[in-house]
PDB file of N, CA and C in Angstrom:
ATOM      1  N   UNK A   1      36.735  79.874  99.761  1.00  0.00           N
ATOM      2  CA  UNK A   1      36.702  79.033 100.935  1.00  0.00           C
ATOM      3  C   UNK A   1      35.246  78.853 101.347  1.00  0.00           C
ATOM      4  N   UNK A   2      34.849  77.631 101.505  1.00  0.00           N
ATOM      5  CA  UNK A   2      33.484  77.324 101.909  1.00  0.00           C
ATOM      6  C   UNK A   2      33.406  77.267 103.429  1.00  0.00           C
ATOM      7  N   UNK A   3      32.338  77.806 103.980  1.00  0.00           N
ATOM      8  CA  UNK A   3      32.175  77.811 105.426  1.00  0.00           C
ATOM      9  C   UNK A   3      31.548  76.528 105.941  1.00  0.00           C
ATOM     10  N   UNK A   4      30.597  75.978 105.195  1.00  0.00           N
ATOM     11  CA  UNK A   4      29.884  74.799 105.659  1.00  0.00           C
ATOM     12  C   UNK A   4      29.980  73.664 104.646  1.00  0.00           C
ATOM     13  N   UNK A   5      29.636  73.938 103.422  1.00  0.00           N
ATOM     14  CA  UNK A   5      29.618  72.919 102.370  1.00  0.00           C
ATOM     15  C   UNK A   5      30.981  72.849 101.686  1.00  0.00           C
ATOM     16  N   UNK A   6      31.305  71.704 101.114  1.00  0.00           N
ATOM     17  CA  UNK A   6      32.552  71.617 100.345  1.00  0.00           C
ATOM     18  C   UNK A   6      32.522  72.595  99.175  1.00  0.00           C
ATOM     19  N   UNK A   7      33.672  73.082  98.811  1.00  0.00           N
ATOM     20  CA  UNK A   7      33.778  74.045  97.715  1.00  0.00           C
ATOM     21  C   UNK A   7      33.475  73.358  96.383  1.00  0.00           C
ATOM     22  N   UNK A   8      32.534  73.923  95.638  1.00  0.00           N
ATOM     23  CA  UNK A   8      32.206  73.369  94.326  1.00  0.00           C
ATOM     24  C   UNK A   8      33.280  73.797  93.319  1.00  0.00           C
ATOM     25  N   UNK A   9      33.349  73.128  92.173  1.00  0.00           N
ATOM     26  CA  UNK A   9      34.329  73.535  91.156  1.00  0.00           C
ATOM     27  C   UNK A   9      34.169  75.003  90.724  1.00  0.00           C
ATOM     28  N   UNK A  10      32.934  75.475  90.614  1.00  0.00           N
ATOM     29  CA  UNK A  10      32.749  76.869  90.206  1.00  0.00           C
ATOM     30  C   UNK A  10      33.176  77.834  91.313  1.00  0.00           C
ATOM     31  N   UNK A  11      32.973  77.455  92.569  1.00  0.00           N
ATOM     32  CA  UNK A  11      33.429  78.305  93.678  1.00  0.00           C
ATOM     33  C   UNK A  11      34.954  78.320  93.737  1.00  0.00           C
ATOM     34  N   UNK A  12      35.561  77.175  93.481  1.00  0.00           N
ATOM     35  CA  UNK A  12      37.019  77.125  93.421  1.00  0.00           C
ATOM     36  C   UNK A  12      37.518  78.014  92.278  1.00  0.00           C
ATOM     37  N   UNK A  13      36.850  77.944  91.133  1.00  0.00           N
ATOM     38  CA  UNK A  13      37.236  78.766  89.984  1.00  0.00           C
ATOM     39  C   UNK A  13      37.107  80.248  90.312  1.00  0.00           C
ATOM     40  N   UNK A  14      36.038  80.623  90.989  1.00  0.00           N
ATOM     41  CA  UNK A  14      35.844  82.028  91.390  1.00  0.00           C
ATOM     42  C   UNK A  14      36.993  82.461  92.309  1.00  0.00           C
ATOM     43  N   UNK A  15      37.325  81.624  93.282  1.00  0.00           N
ATOM     44  CA  UNK A  15      38.383  81.946  94.238  1.00  0.00           C
ATOM     45  C   UNK A  15      39.730  82.090  93.526  1.00  0.00           C
ATOM     46  N   UNK A  16      40.048  81.133  92.630  1.00  0.00           N
ATOM     47  CA  UNK A  16      41.315  81.193  91.896  1.00  0.00           C
ATOM     48  C   UNK A  16      41.348  82.421  90.993  1.00  0.00           C
ATOM     49  N   UNK A  17      40.256  82.679  90.280  1.00  0.00           N
ATOM     50  CA  UNK A  17      40.179  83.850  89.399  1.00  0.00           C
ATOM     51  C   UNK A  17      40.446  85.116  90.205  1.00  0.00           C
ATOM     52  N   UNK A  18      39.838  85.194  91.393  1.00  0.00           N
ATOM     53  CA  UNK A  18      39.976  86.392  92.219  1.00  0.00           C
ATOM     54  C   UNK A  18      41.386  86.564  92.775  1.00  0.00           C
ATOM     55  N   UNK A  19      42.166  85.483  92.863  1.00  0.00           N
ATOM     56  CA  UNK A  19      43.563  85.649  93.276  1.00  0.00           C
ATOM     57  C   UNK A  19      44.365  86.369  92.199  1.00  0.00           C
ATOM     58  N   UNK A  20      43.915  86.279  90.960  1.00  0.00           N
ATOM     59  CA  UNK A  20      44.561  86.995  89.860  1.00  0.00           C
ATOM     60  C   UNK A  20      43.934  88.374  89.654  1.00  0.00           C
ATOM     61  N   UNK A  21      42.938  88.690  90.466  1.00  0.00           N
ATOM     62  CA  UNK A  21      42.227  89.981  90.435  1.00  0.00           C
ATOM     63  C   UNK A  21      42.268  90.563  91.850  1.00  0.00           C
ATOM     64  N   UNK A  22      43.454  90.934  92.346  1.00  0.00           N
ATOM     65  CA  UNK A  22      43.589  91.346  93.746  1.00  0.00           C
ATOM     66  C   UNK A  22      42.809  92.609  94.115  1.00  0.00           C
ATOM     67  N   UNK A  23      42.469  93.432  93.142  1.00  0.00           N
ATOM     68  CA  UNK A  23      41.698  94.644  93.428  1.00  0.00           C
ATOM     69  C   UNK A  23      40.199  94.395  93.349  1.00  0.00           C
ATOM     70  N   UNK A  24      39.804  93.139  93.109  1.00  0.00           N
ATOM     71  CA  UNK A  24      38.396  92.743  93.059  1.00  0.00           C
ATOM     72  C   UNK A  24      37.600  93.571  92.054  1.00  0.00           C
ATOM     73  N   UNK A  25      38.152  93.693  90.841  1.00  0.00           N
ATOM     74  CA  UNK A  25      37.490  94.444  89.771  1.00  0.00           C
ATOM     75  C   UNK A  25      36.473  93.614  89.001  1.00  0.00           C
ATOM     76  N   UNK A  26      36.543  92.286  89.151  1.00  0.00           N
ATOM     77  CA  UNK A  26      35.636  91.420  88.408  1.00  0.00           C
ATOM     78  C   UNK A  26      36.173  91.041  87.039  1.00  0.00           C
ATOM     79  N   UNK A  27      37.442  91.351  86.786  1.00  0.00           N
ATOM     80  CA  UNK A  27      38.058  90.971  85.525  1.00  0.00           C
ATOM     81  C   UNK A  27      39.564  90.827  85.718  1.00  0.00           C
ATOM     82  N   UNK A  28      40.184  90.149  84.760  1.00  0.00           N
ATOM     83  CA  UNK A  28      41.638  90.018  84.729  1.00  0.00           C
ATOM     84  C   UNK A  28      42.126  90.416  83.341  1.00  0.00           C
ATOM     85  N   UNK A  29      43.390  90.799  83.224  1.00  0.00           N
ATOM     86  CA  UNK A  29      43.937  91.019  81.881  1.00  0.00           C
ATOM     87  C   UNK A  29      43.952  89.693  81.128  1.00  0.00           C
ATOM     88  N   UNK A  30      43.713  89.738  79.830  1.00  0.00           N
ATOM     89  CA  UNK A  30      43.674  88.481  79.069  1.00  0.00           C
ATOM     90  C   UNK A  30      45.012  87.750  79.084  1.00  0.00           C
ATOM     91  N   UNK A  31      46.085  88.448  79.395  1.00  0.00           N
ATOM     92  CA  UNK A  31      47.411  87.819  79.480  1.00  0.00           C
ATOM     93  C   UNK A  31      47.501  86.842  80.652  1.00  0.00           C
ATOM     94  N   UNK A  32      46.592  86.950  81.634  1.00  0.00           N
ATOM     95  CA  UNK A  32      46.596  86.052  82.789  1.00  0.00           C
ATOM     96  C   UNK A  32      45.672  84.848  82.620  1.00  0.00           C
ATOM     97  N   UNK A  33      44.928  84.795  81.519  1.00  0.00           N
ATOM     98  CA  UNK A  33      43.982  83.699  81.326  1.00  0.00           C
ATOM     99  C   UNK A  33      44.675  82.338  81.372  1.00  0.00           C
ATOM    100  N   UNK A  34      45.816  82.222  80.730  1.00  0.00           N
ATOM    101  CA  UNK A  34      46.531  80.945  80.735  1.00  0.00           C
ATOM    102  C   UNK A  34      46.911  80.534  82.154  1.00  0.00           C
ATOM    103  N   UNK A  35      47.359  81.490  82.970  1.00  0.00           N
ATOM    104  CA  UNK A  35      47.726  81.187  84.359  1.00  0.00           C
ATOM    105  C   UNK A  35      46.525  80.714  85.173  1.00  0.00           C
ATOM    106  N   UNK A  36      45.390  81.363  84.971  1.00  0.00           N
ATOM    107  CA  UNK A  36      44.161  80.970  85.678  1.00  0.00           C
ATOM    108  C   UNK A  36      43.762  79.552  85.254  1.00  0.00           C
ATOM    109  N   UNK A  37      43.805  79.299  83.965  1.00  0.00           N
ATOM    110  CA  UNK A  37      43.424  77.975  83.466  1.00  0.00           C
ATOM    111  C   UNK A  37      44.374  76.889  83.992  1.00  0.00           C
ATOM    112  N   UNK A  38      45.655  77.179  84.060  1.00  0.00           N
ATOM    113  CA  UNK A  38      46.620  76.219  84.616  1.00  0.00           C
ATOM    114  C   UNK A  38      46.332  75.976  86.099  1.00  0.00           C
ATOM    115  N   UNK A  39      46.056  77.037  86.842  1.00  0.00           N
ATOM    116  CA  UNK A  39      45.782  76.914  88.270  1.00  0.00           C
ATOM    117  C   UNK A  39      44.546  76.052  88.532  1.00  0.00           C
ATOM    118  N   UNK A  40      43.625  76.025  87.576  1.00  0.00           N
ATOM    119  CA  UNK A  40      42.400  75.231  87.719  1.00  0.00           C
ATOM    120  C   UNK A  40      42.506  73.873  87.022  1.00  0.00           C
ATOM    121  N   UNK A  41      43.667  73.551  86.539  1.00  0.00           N
ATOM    122  CA  UNK A  41      43.893  72.289  85.812  1.00  0.00           C
ATOM    123  C   UNK A  41      42.990  72.161  84.591  1.00  0.00           C
ATOM    124  N   UNK A  42      42.710  73.274  83.935  1.00  0.00           N
ATOM    125  CA  UNK A  42      41.968  73.262  82.679  1.00  0.00           C
ATOM    126  C   UNK A  42      42.980  73.145  81.533  1.00  0.00           C
ATOM    127  N   UNK A  43      42.508  72.763  80.377  1.00  0.00           N
ATOM    128  CA  UNK A  43      43.387  72.690  79.217  1.00  0.00           C
ATOM    129  C   UNK A  43      43.999  74.071  79.013  1.00  0.00           C
ATOM    130  N   UNK A  44      45.320  74.126  78.940  1.00  0.00           N
ATOM    131  CA  UNK A  44      45.975  75.432  78.829  1.00  0.00           C
ATOM    132  C   UNK A  44      47.016  75.457  77.705  1.00  0.00           C
ATOM    133  N   UNK A  45      46.758  74.695  76.652  1.00  0.00           N
ATOM    134  CA  UNK A  45      47.621  74.735  75.476  1.00  0.00           C
ATOM    135  C   UNK A  45      47.455  76.100  74.814  1.00  0.00           C
ATOM    136  N   UNK A  46      48.533  76.682  74.315  1.00  0.00           N
ATOM    137  CA  UNK A  46      48.477  78.046  73.759  1.00  0.00           C
ATOM    138  C   UNK A  46      47.379  78.282  72.726  1.00  0.00           C
ATOM    139  N   UNK A  47      47.176  77.326  71.806  1.00  0.00           N
ATOM    140  CA  UNK A  47      46.138  77.515  70.780  1.00  0.00           C
ATOM    141  C   UNK A  47      44.747  77.581  71.412  1.00  0.00           C
ATOM    142  N   UNK A  48      44.517  76.712  72.399  1.00  0.00           N
ATOM    143  CA  UNK A  48      43.213  76.704  73.070  1.00  0.00           C
ATOM    144  C   UNK A  48      43.019  77.975  73.893  1.00  0.00           C
ATOM    145  N   UNK A  49      44.065  78.405  74.575  1.00  0.00           N
ATOM    146  CA  UNK A  49      43.982  79.643  75.366  1.00  0.00           C
ATOM    147  C   UNK A  49      43.661  80.818  74.450  1.00  0.00           C
ATOM    148  N   UNK A  50      44.304  80.883  73.301  1.00  0.00           N
ATOM    149  CA  UNK A  50      44.017  81.971  72.350  1.00  0.00           C
ATOM    150  C   UNK A  50      42.585  81.902  71.834  1.00  0.00           C
ATOM    151  N   UNK A  51      42.090  80.687  71.588  1.00  0.00           N
ATOM    152  CA  UNK A  51      40.698  80.516  71.167  1.00  0.00           C
ATOM    153  C   UNK A  51      39.758  81.038  72.261  1.00  0.00           C
ATOM    154  N   UNK A  52      40.053  80.695  73.522  1.00  0.00           N
ATOM    155  CA  UNK A  52      39.206  81.133  74.627  1.00  0.00           C
ATOM    156  C   UNK A  52      39.297  82.646  74.834  1.00  0.00           C
ATOM    157  N   UNK A  53      40.474  83.213  74.622  1.00  0.00           N
ATOM    158  CA  UNK A  53      40.613  84.677  74.712  1.00  0.00           C
ATOM    159  C   UNK A  53      39.681  85.359  73.717  1.00  0.00           C
ATOM    160  N   UNK A  54      39.678  84.864  72.480  1.00  0.00           N
ATOM    161  CA  UNK A  54      38.824  85.491  71.465  1.00  0.00           C
ATOM    162  C   UNK A  54      37.345  85.267  71.760  1.00  0.00           C
ATOM    163  N   UNK A  55      37.017  84.144  72.389  1.00  0.00           N
ATOM    164  CA  UNK A  55      35.614  83.878  72.732  1.00  0.00           C
ATOM    165  C   UNK A  55      35.176  84.700  73.948  1.00  0.00           C
ATOM    166  N   UNK A  56      36.052  84.804  74.960  1.00  0.00           N
ATOM    167  CA  UNK A  56      35.697  85.521  76.195  1.00  0.00           C
ATOM    168  C   UNK A  56      35.888  87.028  76.079  1.00  0.00           C
ATOM    169  N   UNK A  57      36.656  87.468  75.091  1.00  0.00           N
ATOM    170  CA  UNK A  57      36.899  88.901  74.863  1.00  0.00           C
ATOM    171  C   UNK A  57      36.724  89.219  73.382  1.00  0.00           C
ATOM    172  N   UNK A  58      35.491  89.068  72.864  1.00  0.00           N
ATOM    173  CA  UNK A  58      35.278  89.254  71.425  1.00  0.00           C
ATOM    174  C   UNK A  58      35.549  90.683  70.945  1.00  0.00           C
ATOM    175  N   UNK A  59      35.465  91.671  71.846  1.00  0.00           N
ATOM    176  CA  UNK A  59      35.727  93.059  71.456  1.00  0.00           C
ATOM    177  C   UNK A  59      37.215  93.372  71.426  1.00  0.00           C
ATOM    178  N   UNK A  60      38.039  92.461  71.963  1.00  0.00           N
ATOM    179  CA  UNK A  60      39.482  92.683  71.980  1.00  0.00           C
ATOM    180  C   UNK A  60      39.915  93.764  72.953  1.00  0.00           C
ATOM    181  N   UNK A  61      39.205  93.878  74.072  1.00  0.00           N
ATOM    182  CA  UNK A  61      39.528  94.902  75.070  1.00  0.00           C
ATOM    183  C   UNK A  61      40.717  94.517  75.953  1.00  0.00           C
ATOM    184  N   UNK A  62      41.108  93.251  75.886  1.00  0.00           N
ATOM    185  CA  UNK A  62      42.243  92.811  76.682  1.00  0.00           C
ATOM    186  C   UNK A  62      41.885  92.415  78.098  1.00  0.00           C
ATOM    187  N   UNK A  63      40.578  92.178  78.361  1.00  0.00           N
ATOM    188  CA  UNK A  63      40.148  91.756  79.701  1.00  0.00           C
ATOM    189  C   UNK A  63      39.219  90.543  79.602  1.00  0.00           C
ATOM    190  N   UNK A  64      39.261  89.747  80.657  1.00  0.00           N
ATOM    191  CA  UNK A  64      38.379  88.582  80.767  1.00  0.00           C
ATOM    192  C   UNK A  64      37.507  88.815  82.000  1.00  0.00           C
ATOM    193  N   UNK A  65      36.196  88.863  81.810  1.00  0.00           N
ATOM    194  CA  UNK A  65      35.266  89.091  82.918  1.00  0.00           C
ATOM    195  C   UNK A  65      35.015  87.796  83.687  1.00  0.00           C
ATOM    196  N   UNK A  66      34.933  87.918  85.001  1.00  0.00           N
ATOM    197  CA  UNK A  66      34.695  86.760  85.853  1.00  0.00           C
ATOM    198  C   UNK A  66      33.420  86.029  85.463  1.00  0.00           C
ATOM    199  N   UNK A  67      32.344  86.741  85.279  1.00  0.00           N
ATOM    200  CA  UNK A  67      31.060  86.113  84.941  1.00  0.00           C
ATOM    201  C   UNK A  67      31.122  85.323  83.652  1.00  0.00           C
ATOM    202  N   UNK A  68      31.728  85.887  82.639  1.00  0.00           N
ATOM    203  CA  UNK A  68      31.843  85.179  81.358  1.00  0.00           C
ATOM    204  C   UNK A  68      32.736  83.951  81.492  1.00  0.00           C
ATOM    205  N   UNK A  69      33.808  84.085  82.270  1.00  0.00           N
ATOM    206  CA  UNK A  69      34.715  82.956  82.495  1.00  0.00           C
ATOM    207  C   UNK A  69      33.967  81.807  83.165  1.00  0.00           C
ATOM    208  N   UNK A  70      33.242  82.109  84.241  1.00  0.00           N
ATOM    209  CA  UNK A  70      32.498  81.070  84.961  1.00  0.00           C
ATOM    210  C   UNK A  70      31.413  80.461  84.084  1.00  0.00           C
ATOM    211  N   UNK A  71      30.733  81.294  83.319  1.00  0.00           N
ATOM    212  CA  UNK A  71      29.666  80.796  82.448  1.00  0.00           C
ATOM    213  C   UNK A  71      30.218  79.871  81.360  1.00  0.00           C
ATOM    214  N   UNK A  72      31.400  80.166  80.861  1.00  0.00           N
ATOM    215  CA  UNK A  72      32.009  79.342  79.818  1.00  0.00           C
ATOM    216  C   UNK A  72      32.489  77.994  80.349  1.00  0.00           C
ATOM    217  N   UNK A  73      33.166  78.013  81.483  1.00  0.00           N
ATOM    218  CA  UNK A  73      33.788  76.786  81.979  1.00  0.00           C
ATOM    219  C   UNK A  73      32.952  76.023  83.004  1.00  0.00           C
ATOM    220  N   UNK A  74      32.009  76.695  83.642  1.00  0.00           N
ATOM    221  CA  UNK A  74      31.173  76.059  84.672  1.00  0.00           C
ATOM    222  C   UNK A  74      29.716  76.502  84.496  1.00  0.00           C
ATOM    223  N   UNK A  75      29.112  76.212  83.342  1.00  0.00           N
ATOM    224  CA  UNK A  75      27.798  76.783  83.012  1.00  0.00           C
ATOM    225  C   UNK A  75      26.625  76.300  83.858  1.00  0.00           C
ATOM    226  N   UNK A  76      26.656  75.071  84.343  1.00  0.00           N
ATOM    227  CA  UNK A  76      25.487  74.521  85.030  1.00  0.00           C
ATOM    228  C   UNK A  76      25.641  74.453  86.536  1.00  0.00           C
ATOM    229  N   UNK A  77      26.633  75.137  87.066  1.00  0.00           N
ATOM    230  CA  UNK A  77      26.878  75.037  88.499  1.00  0.00           C
ATOM    231  C   UNK A  77      26.429  76.300  89.209  1.00  0.00           C
ATOM    232  N   UNK A  78      25.603  76.090  90.212  1.00  0.00           N
ATOM    233  CA  UNK A  78      25.154  77.195  91.048  1.00  0.00           C
ATOM    234  C   UNK A  78      25.940  77.184  92.339  1.00  0.00           C
ATOM    235  N   UNK A  79      26.091  78.337  92.907  1.00  0.00           N
ATOM    236  CA  UNK A  79      26.790  78.449  94.182  1.00  0.00           C
ATOM    237  C   UNK A  79      25.904  77.934  95.308  1.00  0.00           C
ATOM    238  N   UNK A  80      26.514  77.255  96.281  1.00  0.00           N
ATOM    239  CA  UNK A  80      25.764  76.807  97.449  1.00  0.00           C
ATOM    240  C   UNK A  80      25.842  77.844  98.570  1.00  0.00           C
ATOM    241  N   UNK A  81      26.618  78.893  98.345  1.00  0.00           N
ATOM    242  CA  UNK A  81      26.717  79.968  99.325  1.00  0.00           C
ATOM    243  C   UNK A  81      25.542  80.917  99.091  1.00  0.00           C
ATOM    244  N   UNK A  82      24.805  81.269 100.141  1.00  0.00           N
ATOM    245  CA  UNK A  82      23.641  82.139  99.954  1.00  0.00           C
ATOM    246  C   UNK A  82      24.050  83.537  99.497  1.00  0.00           C
ATOM    247  N   UNK A  83      23.139  84.179  98.751  1.00  0.00           N
ATOM    248  CA  UNK A  83      23.369  85.550  98.298  1.00  0.00           C
ATOM    249  C   UNK A  83      23.085  86.557  99.399  1.00  0.00           C
ATOM    250  N   UNK A  84      22.327  86.132 100.402  1.00  0.00           N
ATOM    251  CA  UNK A  84      21.997  87.032 101.502  1.00  0.00           C
ATOM    252  C   UNK A  84      21.764  86.213 102.769  1.00  0.00           C
ATOM    253  N   UNK A  85      21.812  86.916 103.907  1.00  0.00           N
ATOM    254  CA  UNK A  85      21.559  86.249 105.177  1.00  0.00           C
ATOM    255  C   UNK A  85      21.202  87.297 106.231  1.00  0.00           C
ATOM    256  N   UNK A  86      20.460  86.888 107.266  1.00  0.00           N
ATOM    257  CA  UNK A  86      20.107  87.838 108.322  1.00  0.00           C
ATOM    258  C   UNK A  86      21.291  88.079 109.261  1.00  0.00           C
ATOM    259  N   UNK A  87      21.359  89.301 109.777  1.00  0.00           N
ATOM    260  CA  UNK A  87      22.403  89.680 110.728  1.00  0.00           C
ATOM    261  C   UNK A  87      21.700  90.292 111.938  1.00  0.00           C
ATOM    262  N   UNK A  88      22.112  89.850 113.127  1.00  0.00           N
ATOM    263  CA  UNK A  88      21.544  90.373 114.363  1.00  0.00           C
ATOM    264  C   UNK A  88      22.651  90.985 115.209  1.00  0.00           C
ATOM    265  N   UNK A  89      22.370  92.122 115.805  1.00  0.00           N
ATOM    266  CA  UNK A  89      23.310  92.746 116.725  1.00  0.00           C
ATOM    267  C   UNK A  89      22.567  93.034 118.019  1.00  0.00           C
ATOM    268  N   UNK A  90      23.108  92.525 119.115  1.00  0.00           N
ATOM    269  CA  UNK A  90      22.515  92.740 120.429  1.00  0.00           C
ATOM    270  C   UNK A  90      23.503  93.519 121.280  1.00  0.00           C
ATOM    271  N   UNK A  91      23.064  94.627 121.824  1.00  0.00           N
ATOM    272  CA  UNK A  91      23.906  95.413 122.710  1.00  0.00           C
ATOM    273  C   UNK A  91      23.230  95.441 124.077  1.00  0.00           C
ATOM    274  N   UNK A  92      23.759  94.656 124.994  1.00  0.00           N
ATOM    275  CA  UNK A  92      23.166  94.559 126.334  1.00  0.00           C
ATOM    276  C   UNK A  92      23.752  95.525 127.339  1.00  0.00           C
ATOM    277  N   UNK A  93      24.600  96.434 126.890  1.00  0.00           N
ATOM    278  CA  UNK A  93      25.184  97.415 127.800  1.00  0.00           C
ATOM    279  C   UNK A  93      24.329  98.675 127.817  1.00  0.00           C
ATOM    280  N   UNK A  94      23.626  98.876 128.925  1.00  0.00           N
ATOM    281  CA  UNK A  94      22.733 100.037 129.006  1.00  0.00           C
ATOM    282  C   UNK A  94      23.461 101.342 128.738  1.00  0.00           C
ATOM    283  N   UNK A  95      24.641 101.505 129.319  1.00  0.00           N
ATOM    284  CA  UNK A  95      25.344 102.779 129.220  1.00  0.00           C
ATOM    285  C   UNK A  95      25.787 103.123 127.793  1.00  0.00           C
ATOM    286  N   UNK A  96      25.813 102.174 126.901  1.00  0.00           N
ATOM    287  CA  UNK A  96      26.247 102.472 125.531  1.00  0.00           C
ATOM    288  C   UNK A  96      25.077 102.661 124.570  1.00  0.00           C
ATOM    289  N   UNK A  97      23.870 102.650 125.089  1.00  0.00           N
ATOM    290  CA  UNK A  97      22.688 102.850 124.255  1.00  0.00           C
ATOM    291  C   UNK A  97      22.000 104.165 124.588  1.00  0.00           C
ATOM    292  N   UNK A  98      21.279 104.693 123.615  1.00  0.00           N
ATOM    293  CA  UNK A  98      20.506 105.914 123.799  1.00  0.00           C
ATOM    294  C   UNK A  98      19.469 105.704 124.906  1.00  0.00           C
ATOM    295  N   UNK A  99      19.370 106.617 125.796  1.00  0.00           N
ATOM    296  CA  UNK A  99      18.440 106.565 126.935  1.00  0.00           C
ATOM    297  C   UNK A  99      18.662 105.332 127.818  1.00  0.00           C
ATOM    298  N   UNK A 100      19.877 104.791 127.761  1.00  0.00           N
ATOM    299  CA  UNK A 100      20.244 103.615 128.557  1.00  0.00           C
ATOM    300  C   UNK A 100      19.249 102.467 128.421  1.00  0.00           C
ATOM    301  N   UNK A 101      18.762 102.291 127.228  1.00  0.00           N
ATOM    302  CA  UNK A 101      17.809 101.218 126.961  1.00  0.00           C
ATOM    303  C   UNK A 101      18.502 100.119 126.161  1.00  0.00           C
ATOM    304  N   UNK A 102      18.486  98.884 126.665  1.00  0.00           N
ATOM    305  CA  UNK A 102      19.078  97.745 125.967  1.00  0.00           C
ATOM    306  C   UNK A 102      18.305  97.523 124.673  1.00  0.00           C
ATOM    307  N   UNK A 103      19.043  97.262 123.592  1.00  0.00           N
ATOM    308  CA  UNK A 103      18.343  97.074 122.327  1.00  0.00           C
ATOM    309  C   UNK A 103      19.080  96.094 121.428  1.00  0.00           C
ATOM    310  N   UNK A 104      18.379  95.628 120.415  1.00  0.00           N
ATOM    311  CA  UNK A 104      18.972  94.774 119.399  1.00  0.00           C
ATOM    312  C   UNK A 104      18.571  95.314 118.029  1.00  0.00           C
ATOM    313  N   UNK A 105      19.340  94.963 117.045  1.00  0.00           N
ATOM    314  CA  UNK A 105      19.087  95.414 115.680  1.00  0.00           C
ATOM    315  C   UNK A 105      19.104  94.199 114.763  1.00  0.00           C
ATOM    316  N   UNK A 106      18.214  94.217 113.804  1.00  0.00           N
ATOM    317  CA  UNK A 106      18.142  93.146 112.816  1.00  0.00           C
ATOM    318  C   UNK A 106      18.324  93.769 111.440  1.00  0.00           C
ATOM    319  N   UNK A 107      19.131  93.143 110.624  1.00  0.00           N
ATOM    320  CA  UNK A 107      19.351  93.613 109.254  1.00  0.00           C
ATOM    321  C   UNK A 107      19.468  92.401 108.338  1.00  0.00           C
ATOM    322  N   UNK A 108      19.408  92.661 107.056  1.00  0.00           N
ATOM    323  CA  UNK A 108      19.555  91.600 106.072  1.00  0.00           C
ATOM    324  C   UNK A 108      20.742  91.978 105.196  1.00  0.00           C
ATOM    325  N   UNK A 109      21.766  91.157 105.175  1.00  0.00           N
ATOM    326  CA  UNK A 109      22.986  91.438 104.421  1.00  0.00           C
ATOM    327  C   UNK A 109      22.893  90.801 103.050  1.00  0.00           C
ATOM    328  N   UNK A 110      23.156  91.619 102.005  1.00  0.00           N
ATOM    329  CA  UNK A 110      23.225  91.125 100.630  1.00  0.00           C
ATOM    330  C   UNK A 110      24.689  91.086 100.228  1.00  0.00           C
ATOM    331  N   UNK A 111      25.125  89.930  99.740  1.00  0.00           N
ATOM    332  CA  UNK A 111      26.514  89.808  99.303  1.00  0.00           C
ATOM    333  C   UNK A 111      26.721  90.707  98.105  1.00  0.00           C
ATOM    334  N   UNK A 112      27.847  91.458  98.072  1.00  0.00           N
ATOM    335  CA  UNK A 112      28.085  92.318  96.917  1.00  0.00           C
ATOM    336  C   UNK A 112      28.341  91.496  95.668  1.00  0.00           C
ATOM    337  N   UNK A 113      27.860  91.997  94.561  1.00  0.00           N
ATOM    338  CA  UNK A 113      28.083  91.331  93.275  1.00  0.00           C
ATOM    339  C   UNK A 113      28.632  92.358  92.306  1.00  0.00           C
ATOM    340  N   UNK A 114      29.280  91.865  91.310  1.00  0.00           N
ATOM    341  CA  UNK A 114      29.801  92.709  90.242  1.00  0.00           C
ATOM    342  C   UNK A 114      28.848  92.603  89.056  1.00  0.00           C
ATOM    343  N   UNK A 115      28.742  93.667  88.309  1.00  0.00           N
ATOM    344  CA  UNK A 115      27.899  93.630  87.111  1.00  0.00           C
ATOM    345  C   UNK A 115      28.367  92.515  86.169  1.00  0.00           C
ATOM    346  N   UNK A 116      29.659  92.211  86.214  1.00  0.00           N
ATOM    347  CA  UNK A 116      30.187  91.193  85.319  1.00  0.00           C
ATOM    348  C   UNK A 116      29.747  89.785  85.681  1.00  0.00           C
ATOM    349  N   UNK A 117      29.265  89.575  86.912  1.00  0.00           N
ATOM    350  CA  UNK A 117      28.870  88.235  87.313  1.00  0.00           C
ATOM    351  C   UNK A 117      27.366  88.013  87.188  1.00  0.00           C
ATOM    352  N   UNK A 118      26.650  88.999  86.722  1.00  0.00           N
ATOM    353  CA  UNK A 118      25.201  88.848  86.580  1.00  0.00           C
ATOM    354  C   UNK A 118      24.855  88.120  85.312  1.00  0.00           C
TER     355      UNK A 118
END
């Protein structure tokens, strides 16, 4: 889901892939590849799906990594969602701060990534 910009095809693919990866492991069983491809309206004929399984899982481990999937089907698309952003917290309640001093905090949030998406 895009917050500001329309969802790009690769962002849609990431979102759909992740619906088949509910534990957010960064991979799916290769048996779900056909379902993911159908959900994205990609060619999902059995012979082609088997070809893609062998290409995306050359070791035969039975898993398809998110990063490899995106790189294969959406190679030239970059995400428009930033990898990081500033976060500010302001607490204006004196009684809830140390020494009753109003304060604010600034931090920089980095979006978590999986090794498979690098």
